[in-house]
Amino acid sequence: MITGKKQNALFPDIPRDSKLVDENGEITPLWKKYFEDNTQALQSNYSPEGLAAPQQSASNIALLTGTQSTGRILYDSTNNLFKGNVIVGGVNVWKTFTLT
């Protein structure tokens, strides 16, 4: 389980406690920023070249041992490998994808 600083999300959180449009029917600055940031994140992670797997260092991946990692795929930027998280004997384990 990761302790300390939480990782940044790939996509922005939806603004809370804020109106979508103002009194003139214009989108509010907070929601405008949300849509801009969300569009940029989508374009960065989903493109005609394929999906971009989130990158983590090997040391960060080693910390991701909780059930929230089950079924996740990451790119190990330290070792240039793709890894997937599966449950083995009741324990979450990162397995390296073997490309043949």
C-alpha atoms as a PDB file:
ATOM      1  CA  MET A   1       0.000   0.000   0.000  1.00  0.00           C
ATOM      2  CA  ILE A   2       1.337   3.454  -0.852  1.00  0.00           C
ATOM      3  CA  THR A   3       2.017   5.734   2.052  1.00  0.00           C
ATOM      4  CA  GLY A   4       2.875   9.393   1.901  1.00  0.00           C
ATOM      5  CA  LYS A   5       2.013  11.600  -1.056  1.00  0.00           C
ATOM      6  CA  LYS A   6      -0.886  10.434  -3.220  1.00  0.00           C
ATOM      7  CA  GLN A   7      -0.237  10.074  -6.947  1.00  0.00           C
ATOM      8  CA  ASN A   8      -1.788  12.604  -9.312  1.00  0.00           C
ATOM      9  CA  ALA A   9      -4.845  11.424 -11.213  1.00  0.00           C
ATOM     10  CA  LEU A  10      -4.651  11.081 -14.998  1.00  0.00           C
ATOM     11  CA  PHE A  11      -7.940  12.941 -15.380  1.00  0.00           C
ATOM     12  CA  PRO A  12      -9.182  15.964 -13.414  1.00  0.00           C
ATOM     13  CA  ASP A  13     -11.821  15.699 -10.713  1.00  0.00           C
ATOM     14  CA  ILE A  14     -15.231  17.171 -11.472  1.00  0.00           C
ATOM     15  CA  PRO A  15     -15.635  20.590  -9.823  1.00  0.00           C
ATOM     16  CA  ARG A  16     -17.788  20.406  -6.713  1.00  0.00           C
ATOM     17  CA  ASP A  17     -20.075  23.047  -5.227  1.00  0.00           C
ATOM     18  CA  SER A  18     -19.843  25.179  -8.330  1.00  0.00           C
ATOM     19  CA  LYS A  19     -22.424  26.209 -10.884  1.00  0.00           C
ATOM     20  CA  LEU A  20     -21.779  25.079 -14.465  1.00  0.00           C
ATOM     21  CA  VAL A  21     -23.024  28.360 -15.952  1.00  0.00           C
ATOM     22  CA  ASP A  22     -23.289  31.880 -14.587  1.00  0.00           C
ATOM     23  CA  GLU A  23     -26.277  34.247 -14.622  1.00  0.00           C
ATOM     24  CA  ASN A  24     -25.603  35.110 -18.292  1.00  0.00           C
ATOM     25  CA  GLY A  25     -25.581  31.480 -19.384  1.00  0.00           C
ATOM     26  CA  GLU A  26     -21.785  31.460 -19.798  1.00  0.00           C
ATOM     27  CA  ILE A  27     -19.705  28.554 -18.542  1.00  0.00           C
ATOM     28  CA  THR A  28     -17.924  29.413 -15.290  1.00  0.00           C
ATOM     29  CA  PRO A  29     -14.092  29.640 -15.243  1.00  0.00           C
ATOM     30  CA  LEU A  30     -13.781  26.595 -12.954  1.00  0.00           C
ATOM     31  CA  TRP A  31     -15.834  24.395 -15.286  1.00  0.00           C
ATOM     32  CA  LYS A  32     -14.059  25.804 -18.355  1.00  0.00           C
ATOM     33  CA  LYS A  33     -10.727  24.776 -16.826  1.00  0.00           C
ATOM     34  CA  TYR A  34     -12.134  21.324 -16.017  1.00  0.00           C
ATOM     35  CA  PHE A  35     -13.217  20.747 -19.634  1.00  0.00           C
ATOM     36  CA  GLU A  36      -9.868  22.046 -20.969  1.00  0.00           C
ATOM     37  CA  ASP A  37      -7.858  19.847 -18.584  1.00  0.00           C
ATOM     38  CA  ASN A  38     -10.049  16.805 -19.243  1.00  0.00           C
ATOM     39  CA  THR A  39      -9.732  17.224 -23.023  1.00  0.00           C
ATOM     40  CA  GLN A  40      -5.954  17.557 -22.747  1.00  0.00           C
ATOM     41  CA  ALA A  41      -5.743  14.431 -20.545  1.00  0.00           C
ATOM     42  CA  LEU A  42      -7.891  12.429 -22.951  1.00  0.00           C
ATOM     43  CA  GLN A  43      -5.791  13.523 -25.936  1.00  0.00           C
ATOM     44  CA  SER A  44      -2.580  12.642 -24.070  1.00  0.00           C
ATOM     45  CA  ASN A  45      -3.713   9.188 -22.950  1.00  0.00           C
ATOM     46  CA  TYR A  46      -5.897   8.112 -25.903  1.00  0.00           C
ATOM     47  CA  SER A  47      -4.596   8.805 -29.392  1.00  0.00           C
ATOM     48  CA  PRO A  48      -4.524   7.253 -32.868  1.00  0.00           C
ATOM     49  CA  GLU A  49      -1.116   5.814 -31.886  1.00  0.00           C
ATOM     50  CA  GLY A  50      -2.747   3.816 -29.071  1.00  0.00           C
ATOM     51  CA  LEU A  51      -3.420   3.973 -25.350  1.00  0.00           C
ATOM     52  CA  ALA A  52      -0.739   5.400 -23.082  1.00  0.00           C
ATOM     53  CA  ALA A  53      -0.176   3.218 -20.025  1.00  0.00           C
ATOM     54  CA  PRO A  54       0.534   5.218 -16.867  1.00  0.00           C
ATOM     55  CA  GLN A  55       4.244   5.246 -16.042  1.00  0.00           C
ATOM     56  CA  GLN A  56       5.714   4.519 -12.622  1.00  0.00           C
ATOM     57  CA  SER A  57       9.224   3.812 -11.411  1.00  0.00           C
ATOM     58  CA  ALA A  58      10.019   0.279 -10.208  1.00  0.00           C
ATOM     59  CA  SER A  59      10.251   1.567  -6.625  1.00  0.00           C
ATOM     60  CA  ASN A  60       6.759   3.114  -6.832  1.00  0.00           C
ATOM     61  CA  ILE A  61       5.303  -0.043  -8.381  1.00  0.00           C
ATOM     62  CA  ALA A  62       6.723  -2.086  -5.498  1.00  0.00           C
ATOM     63  CA  LEU A  63       4.636   0.049  -3.116  1.00  0.00           C
ATOM     64  CA  LEU A  64       1.372  -0.640  -4.962  1.00  0.00           C
ATOM     65  CA  THR A  65       0.340  -3.793  -3.126  1.00  0.00           C
ATOM     66  CA  GLY A  66      -3.267  -3.047  -2.139  1.00  0.00           C
ATOM     67  CA  THR A  67      -6.438  -4.448  -3.678  1.00  0.00           C
ATOM     68  CA  GLN A  68      -6.983  -1.149  -5.522  1.00  0.00           C
ATOM     69  CA  SER A  69      -4.115  -2.258  -7.836  1.00  0.00           C
ATOM     70  CA  THR A  70      -5.887  -5.487  -8.900  1.00  0.00           C
ATOM     71  CA  GLY A  71      -6.249  -5.644 -12.681  1.00  0.00           C
ATOM     72  CA  ARG A  72      -4.135  -2.548 -13.306  1.00  0.00           C
ATOM     73  CA  ILE A  73      -1.545  -2.223 -16.078  1.00  0.00           C
ATOM     74  CA  LEU A  74       1.477   0.065 -15.710  1.00  0.00           C
ATOM     75  CA  TYR A  75       4.659   0.856 -17.596  1.00  0.00           C
ATOM     76  CA  ASP A  76       7.761   0.325 -15.436  1.00  0.00           C
ATOM     77  CA  SER A  77       9.876   3.283 -16.536  1.00  0.00           C
ATOM     78  CA  THR A  78      12.932   2.046 -14.615  1.00  0.00           C
ATOM     79  CA  ASN A  79      13.154  -1.332 -16.372  1.00  0.00           C
ATOM     80  CA  ASN A  80      11.319  -0.551 -19.641  1.00  0.00           C
ATOM     81  CA  LEU A  81       8.623  -3.204 -18.977  1.00  0.00           C
ATOM     82  CA  PHE A  82       4.848  -3.474 -18.956  1.00  0.00           C
ATOM     83  CA  LYS A  83       3.429  -4.937 -15.742  1.00  0.00           C
ATOM     84  CA  GLY A  84      -0.020  -6.125 -14.693  1.00  0.00           C
ATOM     85  CA  ASN A  85      -1.359  -6.686 -11.199  1.00  0.00           C
ATOM     86  CA  VAL A  86      -2.982 -10.039 -10.398  1.00  0.00           C
ATOM     87  CA  ILE A  87      -3.901 -11.882  -7.208  1.00  0.00           C
ATOM     88  CA  VAL A  88      -1.711 -14.910  -6.485  1.00  0.00           C
ATOM     89  CA  GLY A  89      -2.463 -16.874  -3.330  1.00  0.00           C
ATOM     90  CA  GLY A  90      -4.536 -14.013  -1.945  1.00  0.00           C
ATOM     91  CA  VAL A  91      -1.732 -11.471  -2.476  1.00  0.00           C
ATOM     92  CA  ASN A  92      -1.520  -8.741  -5.126  1.00  0.00           C
ATOM     93  CA  VAL A  93       1.526  -9.343  -7.351  1.00  0.00           C
ATOM     94  CA  TRP A  94       2.927  -7.364 -10.298  1.00  0.00           C
ATOM     95  CA  LYS A  95       3.677  -9.668 -13.244  1.00  0.00           C
ATOM     96  CA  THR A  96       5.804  -8.638 -16.218  1.00  0.00           C
ATOM     97  CA  PHE A  97       4.230  -8.986 -19.656  1.00  0.00           C
ATOM     98  CA  THR A  98       6.375 -11.166 -21.890  1.00  0.00           C
ATOM     99  CA  LEU A  99       6.234 -10.062 -25.512  1.00  0.00           C
ATOM    100  CA  THR A 100       7.012 -12.736 -28.064  1.00  0.00           C
END
